[in-house]
Protein backbone atom coordinates (compact mmCIF):
# COMPACT_ATOMS: atom_id res chain seq x y z
CA MET A 1 81.01 189.24 138.61
CA GLU A 2 77.42 187.85 138.73
CA ARG A 3 77.42 184.52 138.65
CA MET A 4 75.08 183.15 135.85
CA THR A 5 73.34 179.70 136.26
CA GLU A 6 70.71 178.21 134.31
CA THR A 7 67.49 177.01 136.34
CA PRO A 8 67.36 173.45 136.44
CA PHE A 9 64.67 171.31 134.36
CA ARG A 10 62.94 169.54 137.42
CA PRO A 11 62.87 170.83 141.18
CA ARG A 12 65.20 169.26 143.47
CA GLU A 13 62.97 167.60 145.50
CA LYS A 14 61.57 165.71 142.73
CA LEU A 15 64.93 164.82 141.80
CA VAL A 16 65.70 163.36 144.92
CA GLU A 17 62.72 161.17 145.32
CA LYS A 18 63.11 159.79 141.97
CA GLN A 19 66.58 158.63 142.80
CA LYS A 20 65.47 157.09 146.18
CA TYR A 21 63.50 155.33 143.88
CA PHE A 22 66.28 153.87 141.45
CA GLN A 23 68.98 153.71 144.07
CA ASN A 24 66.75 151.46 146.37
CA ILE A 25 66.05 148.45 143.71
CA HIS A 26 68.65 145.77 143.13
CA LYS A 27 68.19 145.05 139.79
CA HIS A 28 70.17 146.03 136.51
CA THR A 29 69.77 149.57 135.44
CA TYR A 30 67.67 148.47 132.34
CA LEU A 31 65.50 146.66 134.55
CA LYS A 32 64.61 149.42 136.64
CA GLY A 33 61.14 150.88 136.06
CA PRO A 34 58.15 150.42 134.15
CA PHE A 35 59.41 148.68 131.19
CA ASP A 36 61.58 146.07 132.74
CA LYS A 37 58.61 143.28 131.92
CA ILE A 38 59.26 144.39 128.28
CA THR A 39 63.05 144.16 128.09
CA SER A 40 63.30 140.83 129.93
CA VAL A 41 60.30 139.13 128.95
CA ALA A 42 58.49 140.11 125.88
CA ILE A 43 61.53 141.10 123.60
CA PRO A 44 63.19 137.83 124.27
CA LEU A 45 59.82 136.30 123.84
CA ALA A 46 59.27 137.68 120.59
CA LEU A 47 62.54 136.65 119.06
CA ALA A 48 62.17 132.86 120.46
CA GLY A 49 58.95 132.63 118.83
CA THR A 50 59.83 134.25 115.32
CA VAL A 51 62.83 132.29 115.22
CA THR A 52 60.63 128.69 116.13
CA PHE A 53 58.78 129.99 113.53
CA MET A 54 61.12 130.36 110.54
CA ILE A 55 62.83 127.05 111.47
CA ALA A 56 59.50 125.22 111.28
CA ARG A 57 58.50 126.40 108.21
CA GLY A 58 61.97 125.83 106.41
CA ILE A 59 61.59 122.11 108.08
CA TYR A 60 57.83 121.96 106.19
CA ASN A 61 58.82 123.47 102.53
CA MET A 62 61.89 121.20 102.79
CA SER A 63 59.94 118.00 103.71
CA HIS A 64 57.34 119.01 101.29
CA GLY A 65 59.33 120.13 98.54
CA ILE A 66 58.35 123.69 98.82
CA GLY A 67 61.01 126.09 97.15
CA LYS A 68 63.20 123.64 95.03
CA LYS A 69 65.42 124.11 92.35
CA GLU A 70 63.05 125.27 89.80
CA ASN A 71 62.22 127.98 91.54
CA PHE A 72 65.61 129.14 92.45
CA ASN A 73 66.89 129.05 88.53
CA ASP A 74 63.67 131.28 87.85
CA MET A 75 64.99 133.42 90.83
CA LEU A 76 68.59 133.67 88.96
CA LYS A 77 67.47 134.16 85.73
CA ILE A 78 65.78 137.24 87.08
CA LEU A 79 68.46 138.30 89.02
CA ALA A 80 70.95 138.24 86.17
CA LEU A 81 68.06 139.88 83.84
CA PHE A 82 67.86 142.72 86.67
CA SER A 83 71.57 142.67 86.92
CA ALA A 84 72.21 143.64 83.26
CA VAL A 85 69.77 145.85 83.22
CA ASN A 86 71.10 147.91 86.04
CA PHE A 87 74.83 147.73 84.66
CA THR A 88 73.69 148.88 81.29
CA TRP A 89 72.11 151.73 83.32
CA ILE A 90 75.55 152.18 85.44
CA LEU A 91 77.60 152.49 82.09
CA ALA A 92 75.02 155.51 80.33
CA GLN A 93 75.17 157.80 82.83
CA PRO A 94 77.60 160.68 82.02
CA ASN A 95 79.46 160.53 85.24
CA SER A 96 79.87 157.02 85.65
CA ILE A 97 82.30 155.18 87.83
CA HIS A 98 83.72 153.25 84.71
CA ARG A 99 84.76 156.45 82.86
CA GLY A 100 86.71 157.80 85.95
CA TYR A 101 88.98 154.27 86.19
CA GLY A 102 89.39 154.43 82.52
CA LYS A 103 91.07 157.88 82.99
CA MET A 104 92.97 156.76 86.32
CA GLU A 105 94.58 153.82 84.18
CA ASP A 106 95.09 156.26 80.98
CA SER A 107 97.12 158.25 83.41
CA MET A 108 99.08 155.46 84.83
CA ARG A 109 100.10 154.73 80.99
CA THR A 110 101.07 157.83 80.76
CA HIS A 111 103.46 157.65 84.10
CA LEU A 112 104.98 153.89 83.67
CA LYS A 113 105.75 154.80 79.68
């Protein structure tokens, strides 16, 4: 019987060469290779910078009274209007969810009688 094998994706010599490179490094797996500076330095610095900027902007806005309650009330009015329009659109749909609940409640009423 013939043995069916698939040709390897990489030659064995290159695989051994790569294995030697990674086995000789005494770091975590995610810090091996050319991208270790990105994962261990750049991404944490970017996150720390973003958080610092957002906190500083919030403190500045609070100390200068930017974003007070008047703006918040306007946002609530817009949100309420959007919710009402959305709800009426949902009710106008032919296969709306609320109709399914109504049928379920009707069937429960008939079973409970």
